[in-house]
Amino acid sequence: MPHEPAADSEPEATADDDGFAAFAVTAWPRLVRTAQLLTGDFHEAEDLVQTTLAKVYGRWRRVPRSEIELYVRRALVNNNLSRLRRKRVALLLTPVLPESLRHTYAGHAEAVEQRTALQEALADLTARQRAVMVLRYWEDLTEQEIASVLSCSIGTVKTHARRGLAALRTHPRLAAAPVPYAPAPSGARR
């Protein structure tokens, strides 16, 4: 009887996948987190990442190893934009409590409310603005890296960031949240 690997064991890199399986396992949580911020829905995020990784696998050997992260981020954002173009319908976000938060803790309700408000505010942005916000403030990419991912100029990234931040600052759900610390204006007397 042939030896069957355990279902929960790490995928073994084979000569056929050239390190793709190891990359996919390592990158999966980060990509799903980014995709969830782009889509607003955990299940759509998983579908988006799965589709992206399937497409990346087809070109895996042709992508220079030094550009893998950039290539996958670009593919993720482009697949999300394509998904939105195909849908052409308004996306309604339904707040879903992640399984990791099933057990409450102090401040649980506030954390869920803040996350829901943020997802609603992100959903109101254009797809490009949302992509810039997610890549800049969650993925911590520079403007140059975002421009490379989105295949646009740095000026376009700055414009999307400025407009996206302005929209988030004035969003009714986020504007109601208390600011924990507001620094005094420069030049103000103490």
Protein backbone atom coordinates (compact mmCIF):
# COMPACT_ATOMS: atom_id res chain seq x y z
CA MET A 1 0.00 0.00 0.00
CA PRO A 2 1.53 3.38 -0.98
CA HIS A 3 2.26 5.91 1.71
CA GLU A 4 -0.36 8.71 1.82
CA PRO A 5 0.76 12.06 3.29
CA ALA A 6 -1.26 13.40 6.22
CA ALA A 7 -3.94 15.91 5.26
CA ASP A 8 -2.51 18.59 7.54
CA SER A 9 1.11 18.21 6.50
CA GLU A 10 3.02 20.94 4.67
CA PRO A 11 2.94 20.62 0.88
CA GLU A 12 6.19 19.30 -0.45
CA ALA A 13 7.93 21.31 -3.14
CA THR A 14 8.28 19.24 -6.25
CA ALA A 15 10.35 19.75 -9.32
CA ASP A 16 7.09 20.59 -11.11
CA ASP A 17 6.05 23.53 -8.93
CA ASP A 18 9.50 25.16 -8.58
CA GLY A 19 8.68 26.51 -5.09
CA PHE A 20 5.18 27.70 -5.90
CA ALA A 21 3.44 25.55 -3.27
CA ALA A 22 5.71 26.82 -0.51
CA PHE A 23 5.17 30.42 -1.65
CA ALA A 24 1.38 29.96 -1.80
CA VAL A 25 1.20 28.47 1.71
CA THR A 26 3.35 31.24 3.16
CA ALA A 27 1.63 34.11 1.31
CA TRP A 28 -1.98 32.87 1.70
CA PRO A 29 -2.86 34.60 5.03
CA ARG A 30 -1.39 37.95 3.96
CA LEU A 31 -3.03 37.80 0.53
CA VAL A 32 -6.43 36.91 2.00
CA ARG A 33 -6.15 39.78 4.49
CA THR A 34 -5.33 42.21 1.67
CA ALA A 35 -8.05 40.79 -0.56
CA GLN A 36 -10.60 41.09 2.24
CA LEU A 37 -9.85 44.78 2.50
CA LEU A 38 -10.17 45.10 -1.29
CA THR A 39 -13.43 43.13 -1.54
CA GLY A 40 -15.05 43.72 1.84
CA ASP A 41 -16.04 40.07 2.12
CA PHE A 42 -13.98 37.18 3.50
CA HIS A 43 -15.37 34.55 1.12
CA GLU A 44 -14.92 36.74 -1.96
CA ALA A 45 -11.40 37.48 -0.71
CA GLU A 46 -10.57 33.77 -0.56
CA ASP A 47 -12.00 33.29 -4.07
CA LEU A 48 -9.97 36.25 -5.34
CA VAL A 49 -6.74 34.91 -3.84
CA GLN A 50 -7.40 31.42 -5.18
CA THR A 51 -8.06 32.80 -8.67
CA THR A 52 -4.96 35.00 -8.47
CA LEU A 53 -2.71 32.16 -7.35
CA ALA A 54 -4.08 29.90 -10.10
CA LYS A 55 -3.23 32.53 -12.71
CA VAL A 56 0.19 33.19 -11.16
CA TYR A 57 0.95 29.46 -11.21
CA GLY A 58 0.55 29.46 -15.00
CA ARG A 59 3.31 32.06 -15.32
CA TRP A 60 5.37 31.09 -12.26
CA ARG A 61 8.50 30.00 -14.13
CA ARG A 62 8.58 33.20 -16.22
CA VAL A 63 8.37 35.63 -13.31
CA PRO A 64 11.78 36.73 -11.99
CA ARG A 65 12.14 35.65 -8.35
CA SER A 66 13.07 39.18 -7.31
CA GLU A 67 9.68 40.42 -8.59
CA ILE A 68 7.36 37.72 -7.20
CA GLU A 69 5.80 39.91 -4.48
CA LEU A 70 5.19 42.78 -6.89
CA TYR A 71 3.79 40.44 -9.52
CA VAL A 72 1.38 38.75 -7.11
CA ARG A 73 0.18 42.06 -5.63
CA ARG A 74 -0.38 43.45 -9.12
CA ALA A 75 -2.26 40.30 -10.13
CA LEU A 76 -4.41 40.46 -6.98
CA VAL A 77 -5.38 44.10 -7.55
CA ASN A 78 -5.97 43.57 -11.30
CA ASN A 79 -8.10 40.47 -10.68
CA ASN A 80 -10.16 42.45 -8.16
CA LEU A 81 -10.67 45.28 -10.66
CA SER A 82 -11.68 42.74 -13.32
CA ARG A 83 -14.09 41.11 -10.86
CA LEU A 84 -15.71 44.48 -10.16
CA ARG A 85 -15.99 45.28 -13.87
CA ARG A 86 -17.68 41.93 -14.51
CA LYS A 87 -20.13 42.37 -11.69
CA ARG A 88 -21.20 45.93 -12.53
CA VAL A 89 -23.52 45.88 -9.52
CA ALA A 90 -23.37 47.63 -6.19
CA LEU A 91 -21.57 45.55 -3.59
CA LEU A 92 -23.43 45.30 -0.34
CA LEU A 93 -21.27 44.52 2.66
CA THR A 94 -22.65 42.30 5.32
CA PRO A 95 -20.63 42.44 8.51
CA VAL A 96 -19.51 38.92 9.29
CA LEU A 97 -17.90 38.12 12.58
CA PRO A 98 -14.60 36.33 11.94
CA GLU A 99 -14.33 32.93 13.59
CA SER A 100 -11.32 34.06 15.60
CA LEU A 101 -13.55 36.57 17.40
CA ARG A 102 -16.40 34.24 18.33
CA HIS A 103 -15.40 34.51 21.97
CA THR A 104 -15.92 37.99 23.29
CA TYR A 105 -13.37 40.04 25.16
CA ALA A 106 -13.32 43.48 26.68
CA GLY A 107 -13.98 45.99 23.90
CA HIS A 108 -15.23 43.28 21.52
CA ALA A 109 -18.35 45.16 20.43
CA GLU A 110 -16.38 48.34 19.78
CA ALA A 111 -13.76 46.48 17.74
CA VAL A 112 -16.45 44.84 15.60
CA GLU A 113 -18.18 48.19 15.13
CA GLN A 114 -14.93 49.90 14.10
CA ARG A 115 -14.07 47.12 11.64
CA THR A 116 -17.57 47.22 10.16
CA ALA A 117 -17.43 51.00 9.83
CA LEU A 118 -14.05 50.79 8.12
CA GLN A 119 -15.26 48.13 5.69
CA GLU A 120 -18.32 50.22 4.83
CA ALA A 121 -16.17 53.32 4.30
CA LEU A 122 -13.72 51.40 2.10
CA ALA A 123 -16.65 50.01 0.09
CA ASP A 124 -17.77 53.57 -0.70
CA LEU A 125 -14.41 54.40 -2.33
CA THR A 126 -13.72 53.74 -5.98
CA ALA A 127 -11.89 50.49 -6.68
CA ARG A 128 -8.63 52.32 -7.45
CA GLN A 129 -8.85 54.50 -4.34
CA ARG A 130 -9.57 51.42 -2.22
CA ALA A 131 -6.58 49.63 -3.78
CA VAL A 132 -4.30 52.59 -3.00
CA MET A 133 -5.58 52.82 0.60
CA VAL A 134 -5.11 49.09 1.22
CA LEU A 135 -1.68 48.91 -0.41
CA ARG A 136 -0.43 52.07 1.33
CA TYR A 137 -1.81 51.71 4.84
CA TRP A 138 -2.22 47.95 5.29
CA GLU A 139 0.48 46.54 3.04
CA ASP A 140 2.75 49.53 3.87
CA LEU A 141 3.97 49.98 0.29
CA THR A 142 5.61 53.19 -0.89
CA GLU A 143 3.98 55.40 -3.52
CA GLN A 144 6.56 54.14 -6.05
CA GLU A 145 5.69 50.49 -5.27
CA ILE A 146 1.95 51.20 -5.49
CA ALA A 147 2.44 52.93 -8.84
CA SER A 148 4.27 49.85 -10.05
CA VAL A 149 1.54 47.50 -8.78
CA LEU A 150 -1.26 49.57 -10.33
CA SER A 151 0.71 50.39 -13.50
CA CYS A 152 0.16 54.12 -13.13
CA SER A 153 2.16 57.24 -12.30
CA ILE A 154 3.15 58.32 -8.80
CA GLY A 155 0.98 61.41 -9.30
CA THR A 156 -2.04 59.20 -9.91
CA VAL A 157 -1.29 57.27 -6.72
CA LYS A 158 -1.01 60.53 -4.76
CA THR A 159 -4.31 61.76 -6.21
CA HIS A 160 -6.12 58.52 -5.33
CA ALA A 161 -4.58 58.59 -1.84
CA ARG A 162 -5.58 62.22 -1.25
CA ARG A 163 -9.13 61.71 -2.49
CA GLY A 164 -9.47 58.39 -0.66
CA LEU A 165 -8.28 59.87 2.64
CA ALA A 166 -10.60 62.86 2.21
CA ALA A 167 -13.54 60.52 1.61
CA LEU A 168 -12.64 58.37 4.62
CA ARG A 169 -12.25 61.42 6.87
CA THR A 170 -15.72 62.67 5.96
CA HIS A 171 -17.46 59.29 5.91
CA PRO A 172 -20.36 59.44 8.39
CA ARG A 173 -19.49 56.12 10.07
CA LEU A 174 -15.82 57.06 10.58
CA ALA A 175 -16.39 60.73 11.43
CA ALA A 176 -18.49 59.67 14.44
CA ALA A 177 -15.58 57.71 15.94
CA PRO A 178 -13.81 59.57 18.75
CA VAL A 179 -10.24 60.65 18.09
CA PRO A 180 -8.03 59.35 20.92
CA TYR A 181 -5.49 62.17 20.64
CA ALA A 182 -5.65 65.44 18.78
CA PRO A 183 -2.37 67.38 18.79
CA ALA A 184 -2.53 71.12 19.37
CA PRO A 185 -2.19 73.19 16.18
CA SER A 186 1.35 74.36 15.57
CA GLY A 187 2.07 77.71 17.13
CA ALA A 188 -0.71 77.32 19.70
CA ARG A 189 -0.04 78.41 23.25
CA ARG A 190 -0.18 75.83 25.98
